[in-house]
Amino acid sequence: MQFVLIAYDKPGGLPLRMATRPAHLTYLDQDIGAKLLCAGPMLDADGKPKGSVLIVEAADEAEAKALFAGDPYALAGLFEQSSVSGFKTVFWDGARLP
């Protein structure tokens, strides 16, 4: 099943985000690996990161939450607020999926 994490950075969190970014990218590449379907920052009106969206394939919500909790951004305390929810991809790359 797919799960989506939506997380908002704490106010003034950009320096922490940038300092933690290399470890975050390594975590996504090496630790989550094939379970990661999509990831990227949410942007403010100035185009600066203000939060994160990750979509993973996991056996259940507990596994998804564990993947998200292990992210260096989460471990560093970057997020002010976050949520995890089941997710279903209906459109991908402009095409509707069955």
PDB file of N, CA and C in Angstrom:
ATOM      1  N   MET A   1       0.840  -1.176   0.000  1.00  0.00           N
ATOM      2  CA  MET A   1       0.000   0.000   0.000  1.00  0.00           C
ATOM      3  C   MET A   1       0.886   1.240   0.000  1.00  0.00           C
ATOM      4  N   GLN A   2       0.382   2.291  -0.605  1.00  0.00           N
ATOM      5  CA  GLN A   2       1.117   3.547  -0.645  1.00  0.00           C
ATOM      6  C   GLN A   2       0.706   4.439   0.521  1.00  0.00           C
ATOM      7  N   PHE A   3       1.693   5.235   1.008  1.00  0.00           N
ATOM      8  CA  PHE A   3       1.459   6.190   2.083  1.00  0.00           C
ATOM      9  C   PHE A   3       2.139   7.499   1.727  1.00  0.00           C
ATOM     10  N   VAL A   4       1.508   8.596   2.112  1.00  0.00           N
ATOM     11  CA  VAL A   4       2.060   9.920   1.872  1.00  0.00           C
ATOM     12  C   VAL A   4       2.333  10.597   3.215  1.00  0.00           C
ATOM     13  N   LEU A   5       3.510  11.214   3.299  1.00  0.00           N
ATOM     14  CA  LEU A   5       3.872  12.058   4.436  1.00  0.00           C
ATOM     15  C   LEU A   5       3.812  13.499   3.948  1.00  0.00           C
ATOM     16  N   ILE A   6       3.102  14.334   4.687  1.00  0.00           N
ATOM     17  CA  ILE A   6       3.106  15.769   4.444  1.00  0.00           C
ATOM     18  C   ILE A   6       3.604  16.402   5.729  1.00  0.00           C
ATOM     19  N   ALA A   7       4.712  17.129   5.631  1.00  0.00           N
ATOM     20  CA  ALA A   7       5.339  17.699   6.825  1.00  0.00           C
ATOM     21  C   ALA A   7       5.695  19.158   6.571  1.00  0.00           C
ATOM     22  N   TYR A   8       5.364  20.000   7.543  1.00  0.00           N
ATOM     23  CA  TYR A   8       5.656  21.429   7.470  1.00  0.00           C
ATOM     24  C   TYR A   8       6.819  21.761   8.389  1.00  0.00           C
ATOM     25  N   ASP A   9       7.773  22.533   7.860  1.00  0.00           N
ATOM     26  CA  ASP A   9       8.939  22.936   8.647  1.00  0.00           C
ATOM     27  C   ASP A   9       8.542  23.902   9.758  1.00  0.00           C
ATOM     28  N   LYS A  10       9.333  23.884  10.829  1.00  0.00           N
ATOM     29  CA  LYS A  10       9.179  24.870  11.887  1.00  0.00           C
ATOM     30  C   LYS A  10       9.548  26.238  11.327  1.00  0.00           C
ATOM     31  N   PRO A  11       8.971  27.308  11.862  1.00  0.00           N
ATOM     32  CA  PRO A  11       9.385  28.649  11.421  1.00  0.00           C
ATOM     33  C   PRO A  11      10.902  28.821  11.581  1.00  0.00           C
ATOM     34  N   GLY A  12      11.520  29.416  10.579  1.00  0.00           N
ATOM     35  CA  GLY A  12      12.959  29.629  10.617  1.00  0.00           C
ATOM     36  C   GLY A  12      13.764  28.361  10.414  1.00  0.00           C
ATOM     37  N   GLY A  13      13.138  27.312   9.885  1.00  0.00           N
ATOM     38  CA  GLY A  13      13.797  26.019   9.756  1.00  0.00           C
ATOM     39  C   GLY A  13      14.707  25.851   8.549  1.00  0.00           C
ATOM     40  N   LEU A  14      14.753  26.838   7.662  1.00  0.00           N
ATOM     41  CA  LEU A  14      15.537  26.674   6.437  1.00  0.00           C
ATOM     42  C   LEU A  14      17.015  26.365   6.697  1.00  0.00           C
ATOM     43  N   PRO A  15      17.690  27.043   7.635  1.00  0.00           N
ATOM     44  CA  PRO A  15      19.097  26.682   7.878  1.00  0.00           C
ATOM     45  C   PRO A  15      19.252  25.224   8.335  1.00  0.00           C
ATOM     46  N   LEU A  16      18.365  24.752   9.191  1.00  0.00           N
ATOM     47  CA  LEU A  16      18.423  23.362   9.631  1.00  0.00           C
ATOM     48  C   LEU A  16      18.160  22.418   8.464  1.00  0.00           C
ATOM     49  N   ARG A  17      17.197  22.767   7.623  1.00  0.00           N
ATOM     50  CA  ARG A  17      16.901  21.950   6.440  1.00  0.00           C
ATOM     51  C   ARG A  17      18.134  21.846   5.559  1.00  0.00           C
ATOM     52  N   MET A  18      18.776  22.956   5.282  1.00  0.00           N
ATOM     53  CA  MET A  18      19.930  22.942   4.381  1.00  0.00           C
ATOM     54  C   MET A  18      21.104  22.184   4.998  1.00  0.00           C
ATOM     55  N   ALA A  19      21.297  22.321   6.298  1.00  0.00           N
ATOM     56  CA  ALA A  19      22.394  21.616   6.966  1.00  0.00           C
ATOM     57  C   ALA A  19      22.160  20.110   6.995  1.00  0.00           C
ATOM     58  N   THR A  20      20.904  19.714   7.052  1.00  0.00           N
ATOM     59  CA  THR A  20      20.542  18.295   7.164  1.00  0.00           C
ATOM     60  C   THR A  20      20.296  17.655   5.796  1.00  0.00           C
ATOM     61  N   ARG A  21      20.199  18.454   4.763  1.00  0.00           N
ATOM     62  CA  ARG A  21      19.830  17.955   3.435  1.00  0.00           C
ATOM     63  C   ARG A  21      20.734  16.835   2.924  1.00  0.00           C
ATOM     64  N   PRO A  22      22.050  16.911   3.013  1.00  0.00           N
ATOM     65  CA  PRO A  22      22.877  15.805   2.509  1.00  0.00           C
ATOM     66  C   PRO A  22      22.539  14.468   3.178  1.00  0.00           C
ATOM     67  N   ALA A  23      22.348  14.472   4.487  1.00  0.00           N
ATOM     68  CA  ALA A  23      21.992  13.230   5.192  1.00  0.00           C
ATOM     69  C   ALA A  23      20.593  12.761   4.782  1.00  0.00           C
ATOM     70  N   HIS A  24      19.686  13.701   4.584  1.00  0.00           N
ATOM     71  CA  HIS A  24      18.324  13.379   4.135  1.00  0.00           C
ATOM     72  C   HIS A  24      18.359  12.684   2.772  1.00  0.00           C
ATOM     73  N   LEU A  25      19.118  13.247   1.831  1.00  0.00           N
ATOM     74  CA  LEU A  25      19.194  12.654   0.490  1.00  0.00           C
ATOM     75  C   LEU A  25      19.847  11.274   0.528  1.00  0.00           C
ATOM     76  N   THR A  26      20.871  11.118   1.335  1.00  0.00           N
ATOM     77  CA  THR A  26      21.503   9.805   1.491  1.00  0.00           C
ATOM     78  C   THR A  26      20.506   8.809   2.052  1.00  0.00           C
ATOM     79  N   TYR A  27      19.728   9.222   3.048  1.00  0.00           N
ATOM     80  CA  TYR A  27      18.706   8.346   3.639  1.00  0.00           C
ATOM     81  C   TYR A  27      17.696   7.898   2.576  1.00  0.00           C
ATOM     82  N   LEU A  28      17.236   8.842   1.763  1.00  0.00           N
ATOM     83  CA  LEU A  28      16.269   8.487   0.713  1.00  0.00           C
ATOM     84  C   LEU A  28      16.889   7.531  -0.299  1.00  0.00           C
ATOM     85  N   ASP A  29      18.131   7.788  -0.688  1.00  0.00           N
ATOM     86  CA  ASP A  29      18.820   6.944  -1.672  1.00  0.00           C
ATOM     87  C   ASP A  29      19.125   5.552  -1.136  1.00  0.00           C
ATOM     88  N   GLN A  30      19.669   5.488   0.065  1.00  0.00           N
ATOM     89  CA  GLN A  30      20.244   4.235   0.553  1.00  0.00           C
ATOM     90  C   GLN A  30      19.354   3.470   1.521  1.00  0.00           C
ATOM     91  N   ASP A  31      18.603   4.157   2.363  1.00  0.00           N
ATOM     92  CA  ASP A  31      17.844   3.466   3.400  1.00  0.00           C
ATOM     93  C   ASP A  31      16.403   3.162   2.990  1.00  0.00           C
ATOM     94  N   ILE A  32      15.756   4.105   2.330  1.00  0.00           N
ATOM     95  CA  ILE A  32      14.392   3.839   1.871  1.00  0.00           C
ATOM     96  C   ILE A  32      14.434   3.121   0.523  1.00  0.00           C
ATOM     97  N   GLY A  33      15.320   3.559  -0.349  1.00  0.00           N
ATOM     98  CA  GLY A  33      15.548   2.892  -1.628  1.00  0.00           C
ATOM     99  C   GLY A  33      14.295   2.663  -2.448  1.00  0.00           C
ATOM    100  N   ALA A  34      14.044   1.397  -2.801  1.00  0.00           N
ATOM    101  CA  ALA A  34      12.949   1.043  -3.704  1.00  0.00           C
ATOM    102  C   ALA A  34      11.577   1.319  -3.100  1.00  0.00           C
ATOM    103  N   LYS A  35      11.474   1.511  -1.810  1.00  0.00           N
ATOM    104  CA  LYS A  35      10.181   1.814  -1.180  1.00  0.00           C
ATOM    105  C   LYS A  35       9.727   3.244  -1.490  1.00  0.00           C
ATOM    106  N   LEU A  36      10.668   4.118  -1.863  1.00  0.00           N
ATOM    107  CA  LEU A  36      10.365   5.514  -2.142  1.00  0.00           C
ATOM    108  C   LEU A  36       9.803   5.648  -3.550  1.00  0.00           C
ATOM    109  N   LEU A  37       8.615   6.216  -3.664  1.00  0.00           N
ATOM    110  CA  LEU A  37       7.985   6.420  -4.956  1.00  0.00           C
ATOM    111  C   LEU A  37       8.141   7.853  -5.454  1.00  0.00           C
ATOM    112  N   CYS A  38       8.106   8.803  -4.526  1.00  0.00           N
ATOM    113  CA  CYS A  38       8.168  10.211  -4.896  1.00  0.00           C
ATOM    114  C   CYS A  38       8.560  11.017  -3.671  1.00  0.00           C
ATOM    115  N   ALA A  39       9.335  12.073  -3.857  1.00  0.00           N
ATOM    116  CA  ALA A  39       9.699  12.937  -2.740  1.00  0.00           C
ATOM    117  C   ALA A  39      10.099  14.303  -3.262  1.00  0.00           C
ATOM    118  N   GLY A  40       9.837  15.314  -2.450  1.00  0.00           N
ATOM    119  CA  GLY A  40      10.257  16.657  -2.804  1.00  0.00           C
ATOM    120  C   GLY A  40       9.773  17.662  -1.785  1.00  0.00           C
ATOM    121  N   PRO A  41      10.332  18.886  -1.863  1.00  0.00           N
ATOM    122  CA  PRO A  41       9.928  19.924  -0.924  1.00  0.00           C
ATOM    123  C   PRO A  41       8.673  20.654  -1.402  1.00  0.00           C
ATOM    124  N   MET A  42       7.889  21.120  -0.438  1.00  0.00           N
ATOM    125  CA  MET A  42       6.848  22.103  -0.732  1.00  0.00           C
ATOM    126  C   MET A  42       7.540  23.459  -0.694  1.00  0.00           C
ATOM    127  N   LEU A  43       7.090  24.382  -1.520  1.00  0.00           N
ATOM    128  CA  LEU A  43       7.759  25.670  -1.632  1.00  0.00           C
ATOM    129  C   LEU A  43       6.844  26.810  -1.212  1.00  0.00           C
ATOM    130  N   ASP A  44       7.455  27.846  -0.616  1.00  0.00           N
ATOM    131  CA  ASP A  44       6.690  29.043  -0.269  1.00  0.00           C
ATOM    132  C   ASP A  44       6.579  29.944  -1.500  1.00  0.00           C
ATOM    133  N   ALA A  45       5.974  31.115  -1.323  1.00  0.00           N
ATOM    134  CA  ALA A  45       5.753  32.039  -2.439  1.00  0.00           C
ATOM    135  C   ALA A  45       7.050  32.523  -3.073  1.00  0.00           C
ATOM    136  N   ASP A  46       8.154  32.459  -2.320  1.00  0.00           N
ATOM    137  CA  ASP A  46       9.460  32.881  -2.837  1.00  0.00           C
ATOM    138  C   ASP A  46      10.253  31.725  -3.440  1.00  0.00           C
ATOM    139  N   GLY A  47       9.644  30.537  -3.469  1.00  0.00           N
ATOM    140  CA  GLY A  47      10.322  29.378  -4.027  1.00  0.00           C
ATOM    141  C   GLY A  47      11.274  28.687  -3.061  1.00  0.00           C
ATOM    142  N   LYS A  48      11.193  29.020  -1.778  1.00  0.00           N
ATOM    143  CA  LYS A  48      12.055  28.395  -0.778  1.00  0.00           C
ATOM    144  C   LYS A  48      11.313  27.241  -0.102  1.00  0.00           C
ATOM    145  N   PRO A  49      12.039  26.170   0.248  1.00  0.00           N
ATOM    146  CA  PRO A  49      11.381  25.028   0.891  1.00  0.00           C
ATOM    147  C   PRO A  49      10.694  25.414   2.194  1.00  0.00           C
ATOM    148  N   LYS A  50       9.482  24.864   2.375  1.00  0.00           N
ATOM    149  CA  LYS A  50       8.736  25.101   3.610  1.00  0.00           C
ATOM    150  C   LYS A  50       8.222  23.804   4.230  1.00  0.00           C
ATOM    151  N   GLY A  51       8.507  22.685   3.573  1.00  0.00           N
ATOM    152  CA  GLY A  51       8.046  21.397   4.067  1.00  0.00           C
ATOM    153  C   GLY A  51       8.410  20.305   3.088  1.00  0.00           C
ATOM    154  N   SER A  52       7.935  19.100   3.381  1.00  0.00           N
ATOM    155  CA  SER A  52       8.284  17.936   2.566  1.00  0.00           C
ATOM    156  C   SER A  52       7.058  17.082   2.262  1.00  0.00           C
ATOM    157  N   VAL A  53       7.102  16.437   1.104  1.00  0.00           N
ATOM    158  CA  VAL A  53       6.125  15.419   0.730  1.00  0.00           C
ATOM    159  C   VAL A  53       6.910  14.185   0.302  1.00  0.00           C
ATOM    160  N   LEU A  54       6.590  13.047   0.903  1.00  0.00           N
ATOM    161  CA  LEU A  54       7.195  11.770   0.520  1.00  0.00           C
ATOM    162  C   LEU A  54       6.079  10.770   0.315  1.00  0.00           C
ATOM    163  N   ILE A  55       6.200   9.968  -0.709  1.00  0.00           N
ATOM    164  CA  ILE A  55       5.266   8.869  -0.948  1.00  0.00           C
ATOM    165  C   ILE A  55       6.080   7.588  -0.987  1.00  0.00           C
ATOM    166  N   VAL A  56       5.664   6.614  -0.176  1.00  0.00           N
ATOM    167  CA  VAL A  56       6.372   5.340  -0.096  1.00  0.00           C
ATOM    168  C   VAL A  56       5.404   4.179  -0.275  1.00  0.00           C
ATOM    169  N   GLU A  57       5.966   3.052  -0.623  1.00  0.00           N
ATOM    170  CA  GLU A  57       5.250   1.780  -0.641  1.00  0.00           C
ATOM    171  C   GLU A  57       5.654   1.064   0.640  1.00  0.00           C
ATOM    172  N   ALA A  58       4.666   0.699   1.461  1.00  0.00           N
ATOM    173  CA  ALA A  58       4.948   0.035   2.729  1.00  0.00           C
ATOM    174  C   ALA A  58       3.881  -1.013   3.004  1.00  0.00           C
ATOM    175  N   ALA A  59       4.225  -1.972   3.836  1.00  0.00           N
ATOM    176  CA  ALA A  59       3.293  -3.048   4.168  1.00  0.00           C
ATOM    177  C   ALA A  59       2.083  -2.517   4.929  1.00  0.00           C
ATOM    178  N   ASP A  60       2.320  -1.520   5.790  1.00  0.00           N
ATOM    179  CA  ASP A  60       1.235  -0.964   6.599  1.00  0.00           C
ATOM    180  C   ASP A  60       1.648   0.412   7.098  1.00  0.00           C
ATOM    181  N   GLU A  61       0.737   1.066   7.801  1.00  0.00           N
ATOM    182  CA  GLU A  61       0.999   2.415   8.285  1.00  0.00           C
ATOM    183  C   GLU A  61       2.155   2.457   9.277  1.00  0.00           C
ATOM    184  N   ALA A  62       2.290   1.419  10.079  1.00  0.00           N
ATOM    185  CA  ALA A  62       3.392   1.381  11.049  1.00  0.00           C
ATOM    186  C   ALA A  62       4.746   1.392  10.336  1.00  0.00           C
ATOM    187  N   GLU A  63       4.872   0.624   9.271  1.00  0.00           N
ATOM    188  CA  GLU A  63       6.131   0.620   8.519  1.00  0.00           C
ATOM    189  C   GLU A  63       6.375   1.980   7.879  1.00  0.00           C
ATOM    190  N   ALA A  64       5.333   2.576   7.302  1.00  0.00           N
ATOM    191  CA  ALA A  64       5.478   3.897   6.686  1.00  0.00           C
ATOM    192  C   ALA A  64       5.922   4.927   7.715  1.00  0.00           C
ATOM    193  N   LYS A  65       5.289   4.925   8.885  1.00  0.00           N
ATOM    194  CA  LYS A  65       5.669   5.874   9.932  1.00  0.00           C
ATOM    195  C   LYS A  65       7.105   5.657  10.383  1.00  0.00           C
ATOM    196  N   ALA A  66       7.546   4.406  10.436  1.00  0.00           N
ATOM    197  CA  ALA A  66       8.928   4.115  10.815  1.00  0.00           C
ATOM    198  C   ALA A  66       9.905   4.653   9.771  1.00  0.00           C
ATOM    199  N   LEU A  67       9.562   4.511   8.490  1.00  0.00           N
ATOM    200  CA  LEU A  67      10.412   5.052   7.428  1.00  0.00           C
ATOM    201  C   LEU A  67      10.519   6.569   7.561  1.00  0.00           C
ATOM    202  N   PHE A  68       9.385   7.219   7.776  1.00  0.00           N
ATOM    203  CA  PHE A  68       9.387   8.671   7.892  1.00  0.00           C
ATOM    204  C   PHE A  68      10.113   9.129   9.155  1.00  0.00           C
ATOM    205  N   ALA A  69       9.946   8.401  10.250  1.00  0.00           N
ATOM    206  CA  ALA A  69      10.580   8.773  11.520  1.00  0.00           C
ATOM    207  C   ALA A  69      12.100   8.668  11.454  1.00  0.00           C
ATOM    208  N   GLY A  70      12.621   7.790  10.581  1.00  0.00           N
ATOM    209  CA  GLY A  70      14.060   7.627  10.446  1.00  0.00           C
ATOM    210  C   GLY A  70      14.725   8.666   9.572  1.00  0.00           C
ATOM    211  N   ASP A  71      13.943   9.509   8.921  1.00  0.00           N
ATOM    212  CA  ASP A  71      14.482  10.547   8.043  1.00  0.00           C
ATOM    213  C   ASP A  71      15.279  11.549   8.876  1.00  0.00           C
ATOM    214  N   PRO A  72      16.479  11.899   8.441  1.00  0.00           N
ATOM    215  CA  PRO A  72      17.272  12.885   9.182  1.00  0.00           C
ATOM    216  C   PRO A  72      16.558  14.214   9.432  1.00  0.00           C
ATOM    217  N   TYR A  73      15.671  14.633   8.543  1.00  0.00           N
ATOM    218  CA  TYR A  73      14.896  15.847   8.805  1.00  0.00           C
ATOM    219  C   TYR A  73      14.055  15.676  10.067  1.00  0.00           C
ATOM    220  N   ALA A  74      13.364  14.534  10.170  1.00  0.00           N
ATOM    221  CA  ALA A  74      12.538  14.272  11.351  1.00  0.00           C
ATOM    222  C   ALA A  74      13.411  14.149  12.594  1.00  0.00           C
ATOM    223  N   LEU A  75      14.521  13.433  12.479  1.00  0.00           N
ATOM    224  CA  LEU A  75      15.418  13.237  13.625  1.00  0.00           C
ATOM    225  C   LEU A  75      16.017  14.553  14.114  1.00  0.00           C
ATOM    226  N   ALA A  76      16.209  15.503  13.196  1.00  0.00           N
ATOM    227  CA  ALA A  76      16.776  16.802  13.557  1.00  0.00           C
ATOM    228  C   ALA A  76      15.735  17.746  14.156  1.00  0.00           C
ATOM    229  N   GLY A  77      14.464  17.349  14.126  1.00  0.00           N
ATOM    230  CA  GLY A  77      13.411  18.197  14.676  1.00  0.00           C
ATOM    231  C   GLY A  77      12.986  19.315  13.741  1.00  0.00           C
ATOM    232  N   LEU A  78      13.143  19.120  12.427  1.00  0.00           N
ATOM    233  CA  LEU A  78      12.795  20.152  11.453  1.00  0.00           C
ATOM    234  C   LEU A  78      11.301  20.426  11.382  1.00  0.00           C
ATOM    235  N   PHE A  79      10.498  19.398  11.556  1.00  0.00           N
ATOM    236  CA  PHE A  79       9.071  19.541  11.271  1.00  0.00           C
ATOM    237  C   PHE A  79       8.268  20.058  12.454  1.00  0.00           C
ATOM    238  N   GLU A  80       7.421  21.041  12.165  1.00  0.00           N
ATOM    239  CA  GLU A  80       6.491  21.578  13.152  1.00  0.00           C
ATOM    240  C   GLU A  80       5.231  20.714  13.215  1.00  0.00           C
ATOM    241  N   GLN A  81       4.821  20.215  12.069  1.00  0.00           N
ATOM    242  CA  GLN A  81       3.576  19.464  11.957  1.00  0.00           C
ATOM    243  C   GLN A  81       3.729  18.466  10.818  1.00  0.00           C
ATOM    244  N   SER A  82       3.189  17.262  11.006  1.00  0.00           N
ATOM    245  CA  SER A  82       3.243  16.275   9.930  1.00  0.00           C
ATOM    246  C   SER A  82       2.050  15.347  10.031  1.00  0.00           C
ATOM    247  N   SER A  83       1.748  14.717   8.898  1.00  0.00           N
ATOM    248  CA  SER A  83       0.674  13.728   8.872  1.00  0.00           C
ATOM    249  C   SER A  83       1.061  12.611   7.922  1.00  0.00           C
ATOM    250  N   VAL A  84       0.549  11.418   8.204  1.00  0.00           N
ATOM    251  CA  VAL A  84       0.759  10.243   7.359  1.00  0.00           C
ATOM    252  C   VAL A  84      -0.619   9.702   7.008  1.00  0.00           C
ATOM    253  N   SER A  85      -0.805   9.382   5.748  1.00  0.00           N
ATOM    254  CA  SER A  85      -2.095   8.867   5.301  1.00  0.00           C
ATOM    255  C   SER A  85      -1.884   7.844   4.194  1.00  0.00           C
ATOM    256  N   GLY A  86      -2.809   6.893   4.105  1.00  0.00           N
ATOM    257  CA  GLY A  86      -2.820   6.017   2.939  1.00  0.00           C
ATOM    258  C   GLY A  86      -2.988   6.865   1.692  1.00  0.00           C
ATOM    259  N   PHE A  87      -2.505   6.365   0.572  1.00  0.00           N
ATOM    260  CA  PHE A  87      -2.500   7.142  -0.670  1.00  0.00           C
ATOM    261  C   PHE A  87      -2.697   6.193  -1.845  1.00  0.00           C
ATOM    262  N   LYS A  88      -3.356   6.664  -2.875  1.00  0.00           N
ATOM    263  CA  LYS A  88      -3.517   5.872  -4.095  1.00  0.00           C
ATOM    264  C   LYS A  88      -3.176   6.745  -5.290  1.00  0.00           C
ATOM    265  N   THR A  89      -2.227   6.303  -6.099  1.00  0.00           N
ATOM    266  CA  THR A  89      -1.867   7.018  -7.316  1.00  0.00           C
ATOM    267  C   THR A  89      -2.920   6.736  -8.372  1.00  0.00           C
ATOM    268  N   VAL A  90      -3.532   7.785  -8.897  1.00  0.00           N
ATOM    269  CA  VAL A  90      -4.544   7.647  -9.943  1.00  0.00           C
ATOM    270  C   VAL A  90      -3.985   8.133 -11.282  1.00  0.00           C
ATOM    271  N   PHE A  91      -3.176   9.191 -11.246  1.00  0.00           N
ATOM    272  CA  PHE A  91      -2.524   9.692 -12.453  1.00  0.00           C
ATOM    273  C   PHE A  91      -1.027   9.683 -12.222  1.00  0.00           C
ATOM    274  N   TRP A  92      -0.266   9.290 -13.232  1.00  0.00           N
ATOM    275  CA  TRP A  92       1.194   9.300 -13.164  1.00  0.00           C
ATOM    276  C   TRP A  92       1.720   9.742 -14.510  1.00  0.00           C
ATOM    277  N   ASP A  93       2.533  10.787 -14.491  1.00  0.00           N
ATOM    278  CA  ASP A  93       3.175  11.294 -15.703  1.00  0.00           C
ATOM    279  C   ASP A  93       2.144  11.580 -16.791  1.00  0.00           C
ATOM    280  N   GLY A  94       1.008  12.168 -16.379  1.00  0.00           N
ATOM    281  CA  GLY A  94      -0.018  12.560 -17.327  1.00  0.00           C
ATOM    282  C   GLY A  94      -0.960  11.459 -17.782  1.00  0.00           C
ATOM    283  N   ALA A  95      -0.758  10.261 -17.281  1.00  0.00           N
ATOM    284  CA  ALA A  95      -1.608   9.136 -17.700  1.00  0.00           C
ATOM    285  C   ALA A  95      -2.413   8.621 -16.508  1.00  0.00           C
ATOM    286  N   ARG A  96      -3.663   8.284 -16.790  1.00  0.00           N
ATOM    287  CA  ARG A  96      -4.507   7.702 -15.751  1.00  0.00           C
ATOM    288  C   ARG A  96      -4.175   6.222 -15.595  1.00  0.00           C
ATOM    289  N   LEU A  97      -4.027   5.822 -14.353  1.00  0.00           N
ATOM    290  CA  LEU A  97      -3.701   4.429 -14.061  1.00  0.00           C
ATOM    291  C   LEU A  97      -4.996   3.624 -13.835  1.00  0.00           C
ATOM    292  N   PRO A  98      -4.912   2.321 -14.035  1.00  0.00           N
ATOM    293  CA  PRO A  98      -6.130   1.498 -13.839  1.00  0.00           C
ATOM    294  C   PRO A  98      -6.561   1.449 -12.380  1.00  0.00           C
TER     295      PRO A  98
END
